Amino acid sequence: MSTITIGSVNCRGLSETVKRIDIFTKYKDLYDITILVDTHSTSEKEKQWLHEWGYVGKFSSYSSKSRGVAILFKNTFEFKIHDETIDLMGNFIILDITIQDYRITLAAIYGPNNDDPVFFENIKHKISRYSNSSIVVAGDWNVVQDYDMDTLHYRSENNPQSKAKIHEVMHELDLLDIWRQQHPFDNRYSWRGPNHKQSRLDYFMITSDIEAFVVSSDIGISYRSDHSPVLINLKFSSQIRGKGTWKFNNSLLRETEFIEKVKGDIKTVIEEYESDPSIDIETEDKQFNISYQLLWDMIKMKVRGSAISFSSFQKKKEIKRKRFTI
């Protein structure tokens, strides 16, 4: 199977026709899937922009002055989009997609400039709606992973609550920062600002089952933007397969630690959505701010995240144990 290149860049607005055509032409030559954020697209212009692109594309539009996300495809590989979640505020697109017979959740995000952990919690819930264990998330997160490694000439750490939430989401969905995974000691940045400030705000998060398919990841050279593109090269193989659609591992029900975690998850969700926290949790008449069906969906998503995370942790622990016993 051929290599699929996915690139992501904050393009700082594409309302100007000459710049837009130039950006489309450049990245169409470089990537099979192009993720653009801060596009300044509008719903009225989406058909025109898609015609200019020349292939399949999805847009999350907001206004001609701010926000906007796009995922643009070439016809160089086989893919099928099964479902989509499009943000009306221009901050994210989430696709349930099959690429070369490999089903994944592909998400493009434009994180808020302010410290908004709720945004990333919302992203987690929307990604979890799809049952794919394989996930790729890319874009401008507006949050660095490591203040010491990923910033230069900063006086203080920005958006600490969002960073903490992202780390929580990474744990629950089994995500890893693939560029940092492949470049553990490098100091490189994707954004340059005033007063010589630089930071790595743009990056890919992938689930660990896809890591074996990543041939390389890189930070490219900036073009008509103060952000550099980030990219990964994927080569899916029939010999090395991920887990595909996620299925619950029944053996976890024999793990006391996991059972206690699930009990805690259920309690956490109930407390989050209950109308009157003073009512005892065992009371049958407990009222909630959401419907019982949605409450059940929230509980399932929470437990699913814990199951994936716990299974991954147990697998890594077993691999480490075998390594030291050989």
Protein backbone atom coordinates (compact mmCIF):
# COMPACT_ATOMS: atom_id res chain seq x y z
CA MET A 1 0.00 0.00 0.00
CA SER A 2 1.20 3.52 -0.77
CA THR A 3 2.12 6.12 1.82
CA ILE A 4 -0.55 8.65 2.82
CA THR A 5 0.71 12.10 3.83
CA ILE A 6 -1.47 14.24 6.08
CA GLY A 7 -0.46 17.86 6.57
CA SER A 8 -1.91 20.51 8.88
CA VAL A 9 -1.29 24.26 8.92
CA ASN A 10 -2.75 27.43 10.39
CA CYS A 11 -3.00 29.46 7.19
CA ARG A 12 -4.03 32.77 8.83
CA GLY A 13 -7.04 33.40 6.60
CA LEU A 14 -7.88 32.53 3.01
CA SER A 15 -10.47 35.19 2.20
CA GLU A 16 -8.14 36.77 -0.34
CA THR A 17 -8.52 34.87 -3.62
CA VAL A 18 -4.88 35.05 -4.76
CA LYS A 19 -3.58 33.75 -1.43
CA ARG A 20 -6.22 31.01 -1.27
CA ILE A 21 -5.43 29.67 -4.75
CA ASP A 22 -1.73 29.84 -3.96
CA ILE A 23 -2.15 27.91 -0.68
CA PHE A 24 -4.42 25.33 -2.33
CA THR A 25 -1.89 24.78 -5.12
CA LYS A 26 1.06 24.46 -2.78
CA TYR A 27 -0.43 22.00 -0.30
CA LYS A 28 -2.24 20.00 -2.96
CA ASP A 29 1.20 19.12 -4.30
CA LEU A 30 2.53 18.17 -0.86
CA TYR A 31 -0.21 16.22 0.93
CA ASP A 32 -2.88 13.62 0.25
CA ILE A 33 -5.01 15.08 3.05
CA THR A 34 -4.64 18.77 3.88
CA ILE A 35 -5.97 20.18 7.15
CA LEU A 36 -6.29 23.97 7.16
CA VAL A 37 -7.24 25.99 10.24
CA ASP A 38 -8.07 29.66 10.66
CA THR A 39 -9.40 29.63 7.10
CA HIS A 40 -11.93 32.49 7.49
CA SER A 41 -14.35 30.49 5.36
CA THR A 42 -18.09 31.15 5.24
CA SER A 43 -20.88 28.71 4.46
CA GLU A 44 -21.83 30.81 1.42
CA LYS A 45 -18.34 30.40 -0.08
CA GLU A 46 -17.81 26.70 0.61
CA LYS A 47 -18.95 25.50 -2.84
CA GLN A 48 -16.70 28.03 -4.56
CA TRP A 49 -13.71 27.06 -2.43
CA LEU A 50 -14.36 23.36 -3.03
CA HIS A 51 -14.49 24.00 -6.78
CA GLU A 52 -11.16 25.82 -6.54
CA TRP A 53 -9.68 22.91 -4.59
CA GLY A 54 -10.88 20.48 -7.25
CA TYR A 55 -11.46 17.41 -5.07
CA VAL A 56 -13.48 16.33 -2.02
CA GLY A 57 -13.44 18.56 1.07
CA LYS A 58 -15.24 19.30 4.32
CA PHE A 59 -15.57 22.75 5.91
CA SER A 60 -16.38 24.09 9.35
CA SER A 61 -17.10 27.75 8.65
CA TYR A 62 -17.67 30.75 10.89
CA SER A 63 -16.92 34.14 9.31
CA SER A 64 -14.71 35.83 6.73
CA LYS A 65 -12.70 37.42 9.55
CA SER A 66 -12.00 34.58 11.97
CA ARG A 67 -11.89 30.83 12.68
CA GLY A 68 -12.74 28.14 10.16
CA VAL A 69 -11.40 24.62 9.61
CA ALA A 70 -11.16 22.49 6.46
CA ILE A 71 -10.15 18.91 5.64
CA LEU A 72 -9.30 18.63 1.96
CA PHE A 73 -8.65 15.37 0.09
CA LYS A 74 -6.89 14.40 -3.12
CA ASN A 75 -7.90 11.57 -5.43
CA THR A 76 -4.57 9.76 -4.93
CA PHE A 77 -5.94 7.11 -2.55
CA GLU A 78 -9.12 5.25 -1.66
CA PHE A 79 -11.27 6.57 1.17
CA LYS A 80 -14.88 6.61 2.29
CA ILE A 81 -16.47 9.06 4.73
CA HIS A 82 -19.10 7.28 6.82
CA ASP A 83 -20.18 10.15 9.06
CA GLU A 84 -19.16 13.68 10.01
CA THR A 85 -19.44 16.09 12.93
CA ILE A 86 -19.09 19.72 11.80
CA ASP A 87 -18.77 22.54 14.33
CA LEU A 88 -20.95 25.54 13.51
CA MET A 89 -18.49 27.84 15.30
CA GLY A 90 -15.61 27.02 12.96
CA ASN A 91 -13.41 25.17 15.45
CA PHE A 92 -13.43 21.50 14.48
CA ILE A 93 -14.35 18.76 12.01
CA ILE A 94 -14.55 15.10 13.07
CA LEU A 95 -14.87 12.38 10.43
CA ASP A 96 -15.60 8.67 10.68
CA ILE A 97 -13.59 7.55 7.68
CA THR A 98 -12.07 4.50 6.04
CA ILE A 99 -8.68 5.04 4.40
CA GLN A 100 -7.34 2.13 2.34
CA ASP A 101 -9.60 -0.36 4.20
CA TYR A 102 -8.48 1.01 7.57
CA ARG A 103 -11.23 2.72 9.59
CA ILE A 104 -10.26 5.68 11.78
CA THR A 105 -11.67 8.79 13.37
CA LEU A 106 -9.98 11.80 11.75
CA ALA A 107 -10.36 15.15 13.50
CA ALA A 108 -9.13 18.66 12.68
CA ILE A 109 -9.23 21.25 15.46
CA TYR A 110 -8.56 24.93 16.00
CA GLY A 111 -8.18 25.34 19.74
CA PRO A 112 -9.35 28.51 21.51
CA ASN A 113 -6.83 31.24 22.39
CA ASN A 114 -8.12 31.45 25.95
CA ASP A 115 -7.76 28.82 28.69
CA ASP A 116 -10.85 26.74 27.89
CA PRO A 117 -10.61 23.11 29.08
CA VAL A 118 -14.33 22.59 28.34
CA PHE A 119 -13.53 22.83 24.62
CA PHE A 120 -11.21 19.82 24.79
CA GLU A 121 -13.64 17.88 26.99
CA ASN A 122 -16.28 18.48 24.32
CA ILE A 123 -13.90 17.29 21.59
CA LYS A 124 -13.30 14.10 23.58
CA HIS A 125 -17.02 13.37 23.83
CA LYS A 126 -17.60 13.99 20.14
CA ILE A 127 -14.68 11.79 19.10
CA SER A 128 -15.96 9.07 21.43
CA ARG A 129 -19.30 9.03 19.58
CA TYR A 130 -17.58 6.95 16.93
CA SER A 131 -16.54 3.47 17.94
CA ASN A 132 -13.19 3.49 16.16
CA SER A 133 -10.26 2.64 18.37
CA SER A 134 -7.92 4.32 15.85
CA ILE A 135 -7.89 8.12 16.09
CA VAL A 136 -5.91 10.90 14.38
CA VAL A 137 -6.34 14.49 15.63
CA ALA A 138 -4.40 17.41 14.17
CA GLY A 139 -4.47 21.18 14.04
CA ASP A 140 -3.53 24.29 15.96
CA TRP A 141 -4.22 23.38 19.59
CA ASN A 142 -3.12 26.76 20.98
CA VAL A 143 -1.63 24.77 23.86
CA VAL A 144 1.86 23.33 24.14
CA GLN A 145 2.52 19.87 25.51
CA ASP A 146 5.62 20.75 27.52
CA TYR A 147 6.40 24.31 28.56
CA ASP A 148 10.17 23.73 28.81
CA MET A 149 10.56 21.74 25.59
CA ASP A 150 7.96 23.44 23.39
CA THR A 151 8.36 27.18 24.03
CA LEU A 152 11.07 29.80 23.58
CA HIS A 153 11.20 33.29 25.17
CA TYR A 154 7.93 32.81 27.05
CA ARG A 155 7.59 34.60 30.39
CA SER A 156 4.72 32.47 31.69
CA GLU A 157 2.85 29.31 30.82
CA ASN A 158 -0.29 29.88 28.76
CA ASN A 159 -3.56 27.95 29.14
CA PRO A 160 -2.51 25.57 31.96
CA GLN A 161 -6.04 24.25 32.53
CA SER A 162 -6.41 23.37 28.86
CA LYS A 163 -3.07 21.59 28.94
CA ALA A 164 -4.15 19.55 31.94
CA LYS A 165 -7.40 18.65 30.20
CA ILE A 166 -5.57 17.61 27.00
CA HIS A 167 -3.34 15.31 29.05
CA GLU A 168 -6.46 13.82 30.63
CA VAL A 169 -8.02 13.27 27.20
CA MET A 170 -4.78 11.69 25.96
CA HIS A 171 -4.90 9.23 28.83
CA GLU A 172 -8.57 8.37 28.33
CA LEU A 173 -8.39 7.94 24.55
CA ASP A 174 -4.88 6.42 24.46
CA LEU A 175 -3.47 9.31 22.41
CA LEU A 176 0.17 10.20 21.99
CA ASP A 177 2.02 13.20 20.55
CA ILE A 178 3.68 11.40 17.64
CA TRP A 179 6.21 14.12 16.76
CA ARG A 180 7.50 14.25 20.35
CA GLN A 181 7.48 10.46 20.42
CA GLN A 182 9.81 10.38 17.42
CA HIS A 183 11.85 13.46 18.44
CA PRO A 184 12.10 13.18 22.24
CA PHE A 185 14.98 15.65 22.69
CA ASP A 186 14.40 18.16 19.85
CA ASN A 187 13.43 21.80 20.38
CA ARG A 188 11.48 22.86 17.31
CA TYR A 189 8.53 25.19 16.98
CA SER A 190 5.54 25.63 14.67
CA TRP A 191 4.66 29.25 15.56
CA ARG A 192 6.72 32.44 15.70
CA GLY A 193 5.39 35.62 17.30
CA PRO A 194 6.47 39.03 18.63
CA ASN A 195 9.47 39.46 20.94
CA HIS A 196 11.09 36.36 19.40
CA LYS A 197 8.51 34.09 21.01
CA GLN A 198 8.21 30.63 19.50
CA SER A 199 6.18 27.57 20.45
CA ARG A 200 4.96 24.22 19.17
CA LEU A 201 1.22 24.83 19.02
CA ASP A 202 0.54 22.62 15.99
CA TYR A 203 0.83 18.84 16.24
CA PHE A 204 -0.73 15.44 15.61
CA MET A 205 -2.21 13.22 18.29
CA ILE A 206 -2.72 9.57 17.34
CA THR A 207 -3.76 6.42 19.16
CA SER A 208 -0.94 4.02 19.96
CA ASP A 209 -2.28 1.36 17.57
CA ILE A 210 -1.47 3.66 14.62
CA GLU A 211 2.08 4.41 15.77
CA ALA A 212 3.48 1.41 13.86
CA PHE A 213 2.08 2.87 10.62
CA VAL A 214 3.77 6.27 10.98
CA VAL A 215 6.77 6.29 8.65
CA SER A 216 7.76 9.81 9.74
CA SER A 217 6.48 13.03 11.27
CA ASP A 218 7.89 16.48 10.70
CA ILE A 219 7.52 20.24 11.09
CA GLY A 220 7.76 21.93 7.70
CA ILE A 221 8.78 25.38 6.49
CA SER A 222 6.27 28.18 6.99
CA TYR A 223 4.62 29.68 3.92
CA ARG A 224 2.53 32.87 3.96
CA SER A 225 1.79 32.36 7.64
CA ASP A 226 3.45 32.70 11.03
CA HIS A 227 2.75 28.97 11.51
CA SER A 228 4.71 26.11 9.99
CA PRO A 229 2.88 23.06 8.64
CA VAL A 230 3.10 19.79 10.56
CA LEU A 231 2.78 16.44 8.84
CA ILE A 232 2.81 12.69 9.22
CA ASN A 233 3.41 9.97 6.64
CA LEU A 234 1.30 6.86 7.16
CA LYS A 235 1.74 3.51 5.48
CA PHE A 236 -1.06 1.13 6.37
CA SER A 237 -0.09 -2.53 6.16
CA SER A 238 -2.16 -5.70 6.03
CA GLN A 239 0.52 -7.41 8.13
CA ILE A 240 0.31 -4.92 10.99
CA ARG A 241 -3.26 -4.09 11.80
CA GLY A 242 -4.79 -1.97 14.49
CA LYS A 243 -7.84 -3.04 16.43
CA GLY A 244 -10.35 -1.58 13.95
CA THR A 245 -13.75 -1.05 15.52
CA TRP A 246 -13.37 -1.12 19.29
CA LYS A 247 -14.90 -4.05 21.21
CA PHE A 248 -15.10 -4.35 24.96
CA ASN A 249 -12.70 -6.90 26.48
CA ASN A 250 -14.82 -8.98 28.88
CA SER A 251 -11.75 -10.09 30.84
CA LEU A 252 -11.57 -6.59 32.32
CA LEU A 253 -14.58 -7.51 34.47
CA ARG A 254 -12.26 -9.76 36.47
CA GLU A 255 -9.98 -6.82 37.29
CA THR A 256 -10.89 -5.27 40.65
CA GLU A 257 -9.04 -2.05 39.80
CA PHE A 258 -11.02 -1.64 36.58
CA ILE A 259 -14.36 -2.33 38.29
CA GLU A 260 -13.63 0.33 40.91
CA LYS A 261 -12.66 2.77 38.13
CA VAL A 262 -15.97 2.15 36.33
CA LYS A 263 -17.93 2.69 39.54
CA GLY A 264 -16.10 5.99 39.96
CA ASP A 265 -16.83 6.93 36.34
CA ILE A 266 -20.57 6.31 36.80
CA LYS A 267 -20.63 8.37 39.97
CA THR A 268 -18.70 11.20 38.27
CA VAL A 269 -21.14 11.39 35.34
CA ILE A 270 -24.17 11.28 37.62
CA GLU A 271 -22.79 14.08 39.79
CA GLU A 272 -21.97 16.15 36.70
CA TYR A 273 -25.52 16.07 35.32
CA GLU A 274 -27.73 15.79 38.43
CA SER A 275 -30.12 18.68 39.07
CA ASP A 276 -29.88 18.56 42.87
CA PRO A 277 -26.56 17.20 44.23
CA SER A 278 -27.99 17.15 47.77
CA ILE A 279 -30.21 14.15 46.94
CA ASP A 280 -28.63 10.80 47.85
CA ILE A 281 -27.19 8.91 44.86
CA GLU A 282 -29.36 5.85 45.63
CA THR A 283 -32.63 7.80 45.47
CA GLU A 284 -34.84 6.62 42.64
CA ASP A 285 -36.33 10.08 42.08
CA LYS A 286 -33.02 11.73 41.31
CA GLN A 287 -33.44 14.33 38.53
CA PHE A 288 -30.94 15.24 35.82
CA ASN A 289 -30.24 18.20 33.52
CA ILE A 290 -30.23 15.88 30.49
CA SER A 291 -32.44 13.04 29.30
CA TYR A 292 -31.93 9.52 30.63
CA GLN A 293 -30.87 8.36 27.15
CA LEU A 294 -28.19 11.06 26.91
CA LEU A 295 -27.09 10.32 30.48
CA TRP A 296 -26.68 6.66 29.51
CA ASP A 297 -24.66 7.69 26.44
CA MET A 298 -22.40 9.87 28.61
CA ILE A 299 -21.82 6.98 31.02
CA LYS A 300 -20.99 4.62 28.14
CA MET A 301 -18.52 7.11 26.65
CA LYS A 302 -16.83 7.60 30.02
CA VAL A 303 -16.56 3.84 30.63
CA ARG A 304 -15.35 3.24 27.07
CA GLY A 305 -12.52 5.73 27.57
CA SER A 306 -11.53 4.02 30.82
CA ALA A 307 -11.66 0.58 29.18
CA ILE A 308 -9.39 1.67 26.31
CA SER A 309 -6.97 3.40 28.67
CA PHE A 310 -6.90 0.49 31.15
CA SER A 311 -6.40 -2.11 28.39
CA SER A 312 -3.55 -0.09 26.90
CA PHE A 313 -1.90 0.32 30.31
CA GLN A 314 -2.16 -3.42 31.02
CA LYS A 315 -0.72 -4.27 27.60
CA LYS A 316 2.25 -1.94 28.06
CA LYS A 317 2.85 -3.34 31.55
CA GLU A 318 2.80 -6.91 30.21
CA ILE A 319 5.24 -6.03 27.42
CA LYS A 320 7.59 -4.43 29.96
CA ARG A 321 7.33 -7.49 32.23
CA LYS A 322 8.20 -9.86 29.40
CA ARG A 323 11.11 -7.67 28.36
CA PHE A 324 12.70 -7.91 31.79
CA THR A 325 12.11 -11.65 32.16
CA ILE A 326 13.82 -12.57 28.89
